[in-house]
PDB file of N, CA and C in Angstrom:
ATOM      1  N   MET A   1     -38.264 165.325 122.291  1.00  0.00           N
ATOM      2  CA  MET A   1     -37.968 164.153 121.397  1.00  0.00           C
ATOM      3  C   MET A   1     -39.025 163.128 121.753  1.00  0.00           C
ATOM      4  N   ILE A   2     -39.575 162.601 120.497  1.00  0.00           N
ATOM      5  CA  ILE A   2     -40.588 161.655 120.877  1.00  0.00           C
ATOM      6  C   ILE A   2     -39.780 160.153 120.518  1.00  0.00           C
ATOM      7  N   LYS A   3     -40.006 159.323 121.520  1.00  0.00           N
ATOM      8  CA  LYS A   3     -39.312 157.983 121.373  1.00  0.00           C
ATOM      9  C   LYS A   3     -40.383 156.956 121.312  1.00  0.00           C
ATOM     10  N   PRO A   4     -40.352 156.217 120.217  1.00  0.00           N
ATOM     11  CA  PRO A   4     -41.385 155.128 120.016  1.00  0.00           C
ATOM     12  C   PRO A   4     -41.209 154.056 121.016  1.00  0.00           C
ATOM     13  N   LYS A   5     -42.361 153.345 121.325  1.00  0.00           N
ATOM     14  CA  LYS A   5     -42.202 152.214 122.214  1.00  0.00           C
ATOM     15  C   LYS A   5     -41.386 151.139 121.797  1.00  0.00           C
ATOM     16  N   SER A   6     -40.823 150.338 122.485  1.00  0.00           N
ATOM     17  CA  SER A   6     -40.047 149.147 122.080  1.00  0.00           C
ATOM     18  C   SER A   6     -40.881 148.109 121.318  1.00  0.00           C
ATOM     19  N   ILE A   7     -40.613 147.332 120.421  1.00  0.00           N
ATOM     20  CA  ILE A   7     -41.344 146.256 120.036  1.00  0.00           C
ATOM     21  C   ILE A   7     -40.834 144.999 120.468  1.00  0.00           C
ATOM     22  N   LYS A   8     -41.647 144.128 120.956  1.00  0.00           N
ATOM     23  CA  LYS A   8     -41.349 142.818 121.754  1.00  0.00           C
ATOM     24  C   LYS A   8     -42.003 141.595 120.928  1.00  0.00           C
ATOM     25  N   VAL A   9     -41.561 140.334 121.260  1.00  0.00           N
ATOM     26  CA  VAL A   9     -42.013 139.254 120.585  1.00  0.00           C
ATOM     27  C   VAL A   9     -43.477 139.381 120.755  1.00  0.00           C
ATOM     28  N   ASN A  10     -44.366 139.037 119.499  1.00  0.00           N
ATOM     29  CA  ASN A  10     -45.939 139.217 119.419  1.00  0.00           C
ATOM     30  C   ASN A  10     -46.235 140.362 119.120  1.00  0.00           C
ATOM     31  N   SER A  11     -45.253 141.494 119.052  1.00  0.00           N
ATOM     32  CA  SER A  11     -45.686 142.769 118.518  1.00  0.00           C
ATOM     33  C   SER A  11     -46.180 142.690 117.093  1.00  0.00           C
ATOM     34  N   THR A  12     -47.026 143.400 116.569  1.00  0.00           N
ATOM     35  CA  THR A  12     -47.461 143.587 115.233  1.00  0.00           C
ATOM     36  C   THR A  12     -46.671 144.728 114.476  1.00  0.00           C
ATOM     37  N   ILE A  13     -46.069 144.288 113.380  1.00  0.00           N
ATOM     38  CA  ILE A  13     -45.455 145.235 112.480  1.00  0.00           C
ATOM     39  C   ILE A  13     -46.093 145.313 111.272  1.00  0.00           C
ATOM     40  N   GLY A  14     -46.595 146.581 110.717  1.00  0.00           N
ATOM     41  CA  GLY A  14     -47.411 146.854 109.490  1.00  0.00           C
ATOM     42  C   GLY A  14     -46.383 147.191 108.580  1.00  0.00           C
ATOM     43  N   VAL A  15     -46.510 146.765 107.362  1.00  0.00           N
ATOM     44  CA  VAL A  15     -45.635 146.896 106.252  1.00  0.00           C
ATOM     45  C   VAL A  15     -46.265 147.552 105.019  1.00  0.00           C
ATOM     46  N   VAL A  16     -45.743 148.590 104.750  1.00  0.00           N
ATOM     47  CA  VAL A  16     -46.216 149.388 103.700  1.00  0.00           C
ATOM     48  C   VAL A  16     -45.287 149.688 102.607  1.00  0.00           C
ATOM     49  N   SER A  17     -45.757 150.055 101.426  1.00  0.00           N
ATOM     50  CA  SER A  17     -44.979 150.422 100.166  1.00  0.00           C
ATOM     51  C   SER A  17     -45.351 151.835  99.894  1.00  0.00           C
ATOM     52  N   PRO A  18     -44.642 152.831 100.430  1.00  0.00           N
ATOM     53  CA  PRO A  18     -44.840 154.323 100.257  1.00  0.00           C
ATOM     54  C   PRO A  18     -44.336 154.855  98.823  1.00  0.00           C
ATOM     55  N   SER A  19     -43.480 153.958  98.011  1.00  0.00           N
ATOM     56  CA  SER A  19     -43.162 154.358  96.711  1.00  0.00           C
ATOM     57  C   SER A  19     -43.207 153.210  95.834  1.00  0.00           C
ATOM     58  N   TYR A  20     -42.121 152.468  95.626  1.00  0.00           N
ATOM     59  CA  TYR A  20     -42.269 151.482  94.542  1.00  0.00           C
ATOM     60  C   TYR A  20     -42.824 150.238  95.053  1.00  0.00           C
ATOM     61  N   TRP A  21     -43.236 149.295  94.348  1.00  0.00           N
ATOM     62  CA  TRP A  21     -43.870 148.027  94.777  1.00  0.00           C
ATOM     63  C   TRP A  21     -42.599 147.087  94.801  1.00  0.00           C
ATOM     64  N   LEU A  22     -42.912 146.186  95.601  1.00  0.00           N
ATOM     65  CA  LEU A  22     -41.943 144.917  95.831  1.00  0.00           C
ATOM     66  C   LEU A  22     -42.389 143.714  95.219  1.00  0.00           C
ATOM     67  N   ASP A  23     -41.552 143.015  94.697  1.00  0.00           N
ATOM     68  CA  ASP A  23     -41.895 141.436  94.345  1.00  0.00           C
ATOM     69  C   ASP A  23     -42.384 140.762  95.443  1.00  0.00           C
ATOM     70  N   GLU A  24     -43.601 140.090  95.200  1.00  0.00           N
ATOM     71  CA  GLU A  24     -44.437 139.473  95.975  1.00  0.00           C
ATOM     72  C   GLU A  24     -43.600 138.333  96.799  1.00  0.00           C
ATOM     73  N   ASN A  25     -42.760 137.616  96.103  1.00  0.00           N
ATOM     74  CA  ASN A  25     -41.847 136.533  96.694  1.00  0.00           C
ATOM     75  C   ASN A  25     -40.846 137.249  97.790  1.00  0.00           C
ATOM     76  N   VAL A  26     -40.415 138.248  97.404  1.00  0.00           N
ATOM     77  CA  VAL A  26     -39.329 138.833  98.410  1.00  0.00           C
ATOM     78  C   VAL A  26     -40.142 139.295  99.607  1.00  0.00           C
ATOM     79  N   LEU A  27     -41.271 139.875  99.374  1.00  0.00           N
ATOM     80  CA  LEU A  27     -42.114 140.403 100.402  1.00  0.00           C
ATOM     81  C   LEU A  27     -42.523 138.969 101.427  1.00  0.00           C
ATOM     82  N   LYS A  28     -42.906 138.058 100.821  1.00  0.00           N
ATOM     83  CA  LYS A  28     -43.177 136.820 101.715  1.00  0.00           C
ATOM     84  C   LYS A  28     -42.125 136.313 102.405  1.00  0.00           C
ATOM     85  N   ASN A  29     -40.804 136.261 101.790  1.00  0.00           N
ATOM     86  CA  ASN A  29     -39.927 135.827 102.346  1.00  0.00           C
ATOM     87  C   ASN A  29     -39.229 136.565 103.584  1.00  0.00           C
ATOM     88  N   THR A  30     -39.394 137.979 103.329  1.00  0.00           N
ATOM     89  CA  THR A  30     -38.942 138.908 104.461  1.00  0.00           C
ATOM     90  C   THR A  30     -40.043 138.723 105.605  1.00  0.00           C
ATOM     91  N   ALA A  31     -41.316 138.658 105.267  1.00  0.00           N
ATOM     92  CA  ALA A  31     -42.259 138.535 106.234  1.00  0.00           C
ATOM     93  C   ALA A  31     -42.137 137.112 107.153  1.00  0.00           C
ATOM     94  N   LYS A  32     -41.839 136.223 106.395  1.00  0.00           N
ATOM     95  CA  LYS A  32     -41.552 135.069 107.130  1.00  0.00           C
ATOM     96  C   LYS A  32     -40.290 134.989 108.161  1.00  0.00           C
ATOM     97  N   PHE A  33     -39.349 135.553 107.538  1.00  0.00           N
ATOM     98  CA  PHE A  33     -38.234 135.994 108.541  1.00  0.00           C
ATOM     99  C   PHE A  33     -38.588 136.504 109.988  1.00  0.00           C
ATOM    100  N   PHE A  34     -39.489 137.626 109.878  1.00  0.00           N
ATOM    101  CA  PHE A  34     -40.002 138.121 111.038  1.00  0.00           C
ATOM    102  C   PHE A  34     -40.953 137.371 111.803  1.00  0.00           C
ATOM    103  N   THR A  35     -41.850 136.734 111.110  1.00  0.00           N
ATOM    104  CA  THR A  35     -42.711 135.821 111.776  1.00  0.00           C
ATOM    105  C   THR A  35     -41.959 134.622 112.491  1.00  0.00           C
ATOM    106  N   ASP A  36     -41.091 134.184 111.933  1.00  0.00           N
ATOM    107  CA  ASP A  36     -40.303 133.035 112.451  1.00  0.00           C
ATOM    108  C   ASP A  36     -39.531 133.615 113.756  1.00  0.00           C
ATOM    109  N   ILE A  37     -39.225 134.762 113.921  1.00  0.00           N
ATOM    110  CA  ILE A  37     -38.612 135.282 115.170  1.00  0.00           C
ATOM    111  C   ILE A  37     -39.612 135.914 116.162  1.00  0.00           C
ATOM    112  N   GLY A  38     -40.882 135.657 115.900  1.00  0.00           N
ATOM    113  CA  GLY A  38     -41.873 136.047 116.799  1.00  0.00           C
ATOM    114  C   GLY A  38     -42.867 137.010 116.654  1.00  0.00           C
ATOM    115  N   TYR A  39     -42.640 137.906 115.598  1.00  0.00           N
ATOM    116  CA  TYR A  39     -43.552 139.115 115.273  1.00  0.00           C
ATOM    117  C   TYR A  39     -44.603 138.676 114.518  1.00  0.00           C
ATOM    118  N   ASN A  40     -45.707 139.424 114.535  1.00  0.00           N
ATOM    119  CA  ASN A  40     -46.816 139.395 113.741  1.00  0.00           C
ATOM    120  C   ASN A  40     -46.602 140.346 112.586  1.00  0.00           C
ATOM    121  N   ILE A  41     -47.063 139.942 111.372  1.00  0.00           N
ATOM    122  CA  ILE A  41     -46.881 140.979 110.273  1.00  0.00           C
ATOM    123  C   ILE A  41     -48.243 141.224 109.528  1.00  0.00           C
ATOM    124  N   LYS A  42     -48.599 142.488 109.488  1.00  0.00           N
ATOM    125  CA  LYS A  42     -49.690 142.958 108.692  1.00  0.00           C
ATOM    126  C   LYS A  42     -49.193 143.612 107.382  1.00  0.00           C
ATOM    127  N   ILE A  43     -49.339 143.025 106.313  1.00  0.00           N
ATOM    128  CA  ILE A  43     -49.218 143.453 104.927  1.00  0.00           C
ATOM    129  C   ILE A  43     -50.161 144.397 104.464  1.00  0.00           C
ATOM    130  N   SER A  44     -49.930 145.568 104.206  1.00  0.00           N
ATOM    131  CA  SER A  44     -50.794 146.596 103.809  1.00  0.00           C
ATOM    132  C   SER A  44     -51.238 146.546 102.304  1.00  0.00           C
ATOM    133  N   LYS A  45     -52.412 146.975 102.056  1.00  0.00           N
ATOM    134  CA  LYS A  45     -52.982 146.984 100.649  1.00  0.00           C
ATOM    135  C   LYS A  45     -51.923 147.382  99.554  1.00  0.00           C
ATOM    136  N   SER A  46     -51.083 148.551  99.878  1.00  0.00           N
ATOM    137  CA  SER A  46     -50.476 149.115  98.798  1.00  0.00           C
ATOM    138  C   SER A  46     -49.338 148.130  98.443  1.00  0.00           C
ATOM    139  N   ASN A  47     -49.012 147.089  99.121  1.00  0.00           N
ATOM    140  CA  ASN A  47     -48.048 146.021  98.734  1.00  0.00           C
ATOM    141  C   ASN A  47     -48.542 145.235  97.434  1.00  0.00           C
ATOM    142  N   SER A  48     -49.672 145.154  97.300  1.00  0.00           N
ATOM    143  CA  SER A  48     -50.343 144.457  96.239  1.00  0.00           C
ATOM    144  C   SER A  48     -50.754 145.288  94.976  1.00  0.00           C
ATOM    145  N   LEU A  49     -50.595 146.591  95.055  1.00  0.00           N
ATOM    146  CA  LEU A  49     -51.034 147.507  94.113  1.00  0.00           C
ATOM    147  C   LEU A  49     -49.984 147.875  93.182  1.00  0.00           C
ATOM    148  N   GLN A  50     -49.953 148.111  91.975  1.00  0.00           N
ATOM    149  CA  GLN A  50     -49.064 148.631  90.949  1.00  0.00           C
ATOM    150  C   GLN A  50     -49.823 149.698  90.070  1.00  0.00           C
ATOM    151  N   TRP A  51     -48.979 150.913  89.919  1.00  0.00           N
ATOM    152  CA  TRP A  51     -49.455 152.021  89.145  1.00  0.00           C
ATOM    153  C   TRP A  51     -48.016 152.462  88.481  1.00  0.00           C
ATOM    154  N   GLY A  52     -47.828 151.822  87.325  1.00  0.00           N
ATOM    155  CA  GLY A  52     -46.434 151.896  86.692  1.00  0.00           C
ATOM    156  C   GLY A  52     -45.419 151.356  87.704  1.00  0.00           C
ATOM    157  N   PRO A  53     -44.403 152.003  87.989  1.00  0.00           N
ATOM    158  CA  PRO A  53     -43.325 151.449  88.955  1.00  0.00           C
ATOM    159  C   PRO A  53     -43.837 151.625  90.509  1.00  0.00           C
ATOM    160  N   PHE A  54     -44.915 152.254  90.735  1.00  0.00           N
ATOM    161  CA  PHE A  54     -45.199 152.561  92.062  1.00  0.00           C
ATOM    162  C   PHE A  54     -46.251 151.616  92.483  1.00  0.00           C
ATOM    163  N   ALA A  55     -46.380 151.576  93.959  1.00  0.00           N
ATOM    164  CA  ALA A  55     -47.312 150.704  94.633  1.00  0.00           C
ATOM    165  C   ALA A  55     -48.597 151.401  94.761  1.00  0.00           C
ATOM    166  N   GLY A  56     -49.293 151.459  93.712  1.00  0.00           N
ATOM    167  CA  GLY A  56     -50.675 152.402  93.653  1.00  0.00           C
ATOM    168  C   GLY A  56     -50.317 153.818  93.529  1.00  0.00           C
ATOM    169  N   THR A  57     -51.513 154.591  93.249  1.00  0.00           N
ATOM    170  CA  THR A  57     -51.500 155.849  93.127  1.00  0.00           C
ATOM    171  C   THR A  57     -50.996 156.726  94.321  1.00  0.00           C
ATOM    172  N   PRO A  58     -50.611 157.910  94.092  1.00  0.00           N
ATOM    173  CA  PRO A  58     -50.214 158.522  95.286  1.00  0.00           C
ATOM    174  C   PRO A  58     -51.198 158.660  96.414  1.00  0.00           C
ATOM    175  N   GLN A  59     -52.422 158.827  95.988  1.00  0.00           N
ATOM    176  CA  GLN A  59     -53.574 158.819  96.940  1.00  0.00           C
ATOM    177  C   GLN A  59     -53.690 157.385  97.836  1.00  0.00           C
ATOM    178  N   GLU A  60     -53.582 156.430  97.025  1.00  0.00           N
ATOM    179  CA  GLU A  60     -53.798 155.070  97.514  1.00  0.00           C
ATOM    180  C   GLU A  60     -52.572 154.760  98.578  1.00  0.00           C
ATOM    181  N   ARG A  61     -51.347 155.127  98.334  1.00  0.00           N
ATOM    182  CA  ARG A  61     -50.150 155.019  99.061  1.00  0.00           C
ATOM    183  C   ARG A  61     -50.325 155.861 100.393  1.00  0.00           C
ATOM    184  N   ALA A  62     -50.675 156.999 100.245  1.00  0.00           N
ATOM    185  CA  ALA A  62     -50.964 157.871 101.318  1.00  0.00           C
ATOM    186  C   ALA A  62     -52.075 157.314 102.296  1.00  0.00           C
ATOM    187  N   ASP A  63     -53.027 156.998 101.723  1.00  0.00           N
ATOM    188  CA  ASP A  63     -54.296 156.461 102.529  1.00  0.00           C
ATOM    189  C   ASP A  63     -53.832 155.168 103.201  1.00  0.00           C
ATOM    190  N   ASP A  64     -52.972 154.247 102.523  1.00  0.00           N
ATOM    191  CA  ASP A  64     -52.581 153.124 103.148  1.00  0.00           C
ATOM    192  C   ASP A  64     -51.623 153.242 104.408  1.00  0.00           C
ATOM    193  N   LEU A  65     -50.750 154.353 104.145  1.00  0.00           N
ATOM    194  CA  LEU A  65     -49.778 154.613 105.320  1.00  0.00           C
ATOM    195  C   LEU A  65     -50.747 155.256 106.630  1.00  0.00           C
ATOM    196  N   HIS A  66     -51.724 156.143 106.174  1.00  0.00           N
ATOM    197  CA  HIS A  66     -52.490 156.657 107.211  1.00  0.00           C
ATOM    198  C   HIS A  66     -53.364 155.593 107.954  1.00  0.00           C
ATOM    199  N   ARG A  67     -53.824 154.509 107.310  1.00  0.00           N
ATOM    200  CA  ARG A  67     -54.558 153.441 107.756  1.00  0.00           C
ATOM    201  C   ARG A  67     -53.558 152.717 108.807  1.00  0.00           C
ATOM    202  N   MET A  68     -52.394 152.435 108.479  1.00  0.00           N
ATOM    203  CA  MET A  68     -51.535 151.839 109.385  1.00  0.00           C
ATOM    204  C   MET A  68     -51.211 152.678 110.552  1.00  0.00           C
ATOM    205  N   PHE A  69     -51.051 153.972 110.551  1.00  0.00           N
ATOM    206  CA  PHE A  69     -50.716 154.781 111.715  1.00  0.00           C
ATOM    207  C   PHE A  69     -52.047 154.871 112.631  1.00  0.00           C
ATOM    208  N   ALA A  70     -53.289 154.838 111.928  1.00  0.00           N
ATOM    209  CA  ALA A  70     -54.518 154.822 112.667  1.00  0.00           C
ATOM    210  C   ALA A  70     -55.057 153.550 113.381  1.00  0.00           C
ATOM    211  N   ASP A  71     -54.274 152.251 112.810  1.00  0.00           N
ATOM    212  CA  ASP A  71     -54.622 151.105 113.369  1.00  0.00           C
ATOM    213  C   ASP A  71     -53.985 150.712 114.755  1.00  0.00           C
ATOM    214  N   PRO A  72     -54.726 150.741 116.032  1.00  0.00           N
ATOM    215  CA  PRO A  72     -54.276 150.537 117.226  1.00  0.00           C
ATOM    216  C   PRO A  72     -53.499 149.351 117.501  1.00  0.00           C
ATOM    217  N   LYS A  73     -53.667 148.307 116.532  1.00  0.00           N
ATOM    218  CA  LYS A  73     -53.170 147.045 116.701  1.00  0.00           C
ATOM    219  C   LYS A  73     -51.654 147.006 116.151  1.00  0.00           C
ATOM    220  N   ILE A  74     -51.400 147.954 115.353  1.00  0.00           N
ATOM    221  CA  ILE A  74     -50.028 148.054 114.955  1.00  0.00           C
ATOM    222  C   ILE A  74     -49.027 148.667 115.853  1.00  0.00           C
ATOM    223  N   ASP A  75     -47.856 148.025 116.170  1.00  0.00           N
ATOM    224  CA  ASP A  75     -46.938 148.420 117.104  1.00  0.00           C
ATOM    225  C   ASP A  75     -45.863 149.138 116.462  1.00  0.00           C
ATOM    226  N   ALA A  76     -45.589 148.909 115.199  1.00  0.00           N
ATOM    227  CA  ALA A  76     -44.553 149.504 114.422  1.00  0.00           C
ATOM    228  C   ALA A  76     -44.849 149.400 112.818  1.00  0.00           C
ATOM    229  N   ILE A  77     -44.234 150.163 112.236  1.00  0.00           N
ATOM    230  CA  ILE A  77     -44.542 150.394 110.784  1.00  0.00           C
ATOM    231  C   ILE A  77     -43.128 150.284 109.879  1.00  0.00           C
ATOM    232  N   MET A  78     -43.016 149.373 109.074  1.00  0.00           N
ATOM    233  CA  MET A  78     -41.808 149.147 108.241  1.00  0.00           C
ATOM    234  C   MET A  78     -42.061 149.281 106.713  1.00  0.00           C
ATOM    235  N   CYS A  79     -41.243 150.121 106.106  1.00  0.00           N
ATOM    236  CA  CYS A  79     -41.575 150.330 104.565  1.00  0.00           C
ATOM    237  C   CYS A  79     -40.818 149.014 103.712  1.00  0.00           C
ATOM    238  N   ALA A  80     -41.624 148.356 103.062  1.00  0.00           N
ATOM    239  CA  ALA A  80     -41.066 147.290 102.094  1.00  0.00           C
ATOM    240  C   ALA A  80     -40.069 147.785 101.217  1.00  0.00           C
ATOM    241  N   ARG A  81     -40.404 148.859 100.631  1.00  0.00           N
ATOM    242  CA  ARG A  81     -39.666 149.824  99.837  1.00  0.00           C
ATOM    243  C   ARG A  81     -40.029 151.305  99.898  1.00  0.00           C
ATOM    244  N   GLY A  82     -39.261 152.226  99.606  1.00  0.00           N
ATOM    245  CA  GLY A  82     -39.714 153.361  99.875  1.00  0.00           C
ATOM    246  C   GLY A  82     -38.563 154.519  99.784  1.00  0.00           C
ATOM    247  N   GLY A  83     -38.867 155.706  99.485  1.00  0.00           N
ATOM    248  CA  GLY A  83     -37.803 156.635  99.585  1.00  0.00           C
ATOM    249  C   GLY A  83     -38.104 157.544  98.272  1.00  0.00           C
ATOM    250  N   TYR A  84     -37.490 157.106  97.172  1.00  0.00           N
ATOM    251  CA  TYR A  84     -37.671 158.000  95.961  1.00  0.00           C
ATOM    252  C   TYR A  84     -39.108 158.170  95.433  1.00  0.00           C
ATOM    253  N   LEU A  85     -39.324 159.272  95.388  1.00  0.00           N
ATOM    254  CA  LEU A  85     -40.907 159.665  94.947  1.00  0.00           C
ATOM    255  C   LEU A  85     -42.045 159.177  95.858  1.00  0.00           C
ATOM    256  N   THR A  86     -41.632 158.930  97.159  1.00  0.00           N
ATOM    257  CA  THR A  86     -42.638 158.425  98.077  1.00  0.00           C
ATOM    258  C   THR A  86     -43.839 159.463  98.248  1.00  0.00           C
ATOM    259  N   LEU A  87     -44.843 158.792  97.859  1.00  0.00           N
ATOM    260  CA  LEU A  87     -46.132 159.475  97.900  1.00  0.00           C
ATOM    261  C   LEU A  87     -46.509 160.446  96.828  1.00  0.00           C
ATOM    262  N   ILE A  88     -45.463 160.686  96.007  1.00  0.00           N
ATOM    263  CA  ILE A  88     -45.722 161.817  95.068  1.00  0.00           C
ATOM    264  C   ILE A  88     -45.476 161.240  93.610  1.00  0.00           C
ATOM    265  N   HIS A  89     -46.011 161.835  92.696  1.00  0.00           N
ATOM    266  CA  HIS A  89     -45.559 161.506  91.363  1.00  0.00           C
ATOM    267  C   HIS A  89     -45.529 162.744  90.612  1.00  0.00           C
ATOM    268  N   THR A  90     -44.302 163.020  89.771  1.00  0.00           N
ATOM    269  CA  THR A  90     -44.288 164.233  89.104  1.00  0.00           C
ATOM    270  C   THR A  90     -44.324 163.851  87.625  1.00  0.00           C
TER     271      THR A  90
END
Protein backbone atom coordinates (compact mmCIF):
# COMPACT_ATOMS: atom_id res chain seq x y z
CA MET A 1 0.00 0.00 0.00
CA ILE A 2 1.29 3.46 -0.87
CA LYS A 3 0.54 6.06 1.78
CA PRO A 4 0.82 9.71 0.78
CA LYS A 5 2.77 12.04 3.00
CA SER A 6 0.79 14.24 5.36
CA ILE A 7 0.31 17.85 4.43
CA LYS A 8 1.10 20.53 6.97
CA VAL A 9 0.71 24.27 7.22
CA ASN A 10 2.59 25.88 4.30
CA SER A 11 2.17 22.75 2.14
CA THR A 12 1.19 23.49 -1.44
CA ILE A 13 -2.04 22.05 -2.79
CA GLY A 14 -2.45 21.90 -6.56
CA VAL A 15 -6.02 22.31 -7.79
CA VAL A 16 -7.05 20.73 -11.12
CA SER A 17 -10.33 20.28 -12.96
CA PRO A 18 -10.13 16.89 -14.69
CA SER A 19 -13.70 17.00 -15.99
CA TYR A 20 -16.11 19.94 -15.69
CA TRP A 21 -15.00 23.52 -15.19
CA LEU A 22 -15.88 25.36 -12.00
CA ASP A 23 -17.21 28.88 -11.59
CA GLU A 24 -14.25 31.21 -10.98
CA ASN A 25 -15.81 32.84 -7.91
CA VAL A 26 -16.48 29.48 -6.26
CA LEU A 27 -12.88 28.45 -6.98
CA LYS A 28 -11.48 31.69 -5.53
CA ASN A 29 -13.62 31.46 -2.39
CA THR A 30 -12.59 27.86 -1.81
CA ALA A 31 -8.91 28.66 -2.42
CA LYS A 32 -9.19 31.51 0.10
CA PHE A 33 -10.52 29.09 2.71
CA PHE A 34 -7.38 26.96 2.34
CA THR A 35 -4.97 29.91 2.25
CA ASP A 36 -6.64 31.37 5.35
CA ILE A 37 -5.82 28.19 7.30
CA GLY A 38 -2.20 28.21 6.14
CA TYR A 39 -1.92 26.25 2.90
CA ASN A 40 -0.49 27.49 -0.38
CA ILE A 41 -2.69 26.95 -3.42
CA LYS A 42 -1.58 26.50 -7.01
CA ILE A 43 -4.50 26.74 -9.43
CA SER A 44 -3.82 24.77 -12.60
CA LYS A 45 -4.40 25.89 -16.15
CA SER A 46 -7.39 23.58 -16.61
CA ASN A 47 -9.38 25.62 -14.10
CA SER A 48 -9.56 28.52 -16.56
CA LEU A 49 -10.30 26.50 -19.69
CA GLN A 50 -13.71 25.69 -21.15
CA TRP A 51 -14.50 23.22 -23.89
CA GLY A 52 -18.25 22.82 -23.81
CA PRO A 53 -19.06 21.82 -20.22
CA PHE A 54 -15.50 20.55 -19.71
CA ALA A 55 -12.40 22.27 -18.35
CA GLY A 56 -10.51 22.04 -21.64
CA THR A 57 -10.07 19.27 -24.15
CA PRO A 58 -9.28 15.76 -22.92
CA GLN A 59 -5.61 16.30 -23.83
CA GLU A 60 -5.43 19.66 -22.05
CA ARG A 61 -6.95 18.18 -18.88
CA ALA A 62 -4.65 15.14 -18.94
CA ASP A 63 -1.57 17.31 -19.54
CA ASP A 64 -2.61 19.60 -16.70
CA LEU A 65 -2.96 16.71 -14.25
CA HIS A 66 0.40 15.28 -15.35
CA ARG A 67 2.07 18.68 -14.78
CA MET A 68 0.75 18.72 -11.21
CA PHE A 69 2.10 15.23 -10.48
CA ALA A 70 5.47 16.16 -11.99
CA ASP A 71 5.82 19.42 -10.03
CA PRO A 72 8.07 18.77 -7.00
CA LYS A 73 6.63 21.84 -5.25
CA ILE A 74 3.13 20.30 -5.10
CA ASP A 75 2.47 18.38 -1.88
CA ALA A 76 -1.11 17.34 -2.63
CA ILE A 77 -3.53 17.50 -5.56
CA MET A 78 -7.20 18.32 -5.19
CA CYS A 79 -9.85 18.23 -7.90
CA ALA A 80 -12.01 21.33 -8.09
CA ARG A 81 -14.56 19.23 -9.90
CA GLY A 82 -14.17 15.86 -11.39
CA GLY A 83 -15.59 12.46 -11.82
CA TYR A 84 -18.08 12.22 -14.63
CA LEU A 85 -16.24 11.86 -17.95
CA THR A 86 -12.93 12.71 -16.33
CA LEU A 87 -10.34 13.21 -19.09
CA ILE A 88 -12.45 11.55 -21.80
CA HIS A 89 -15.21 12.70 -24.04
CA THR A 90 -17.52 10.36 -25.90
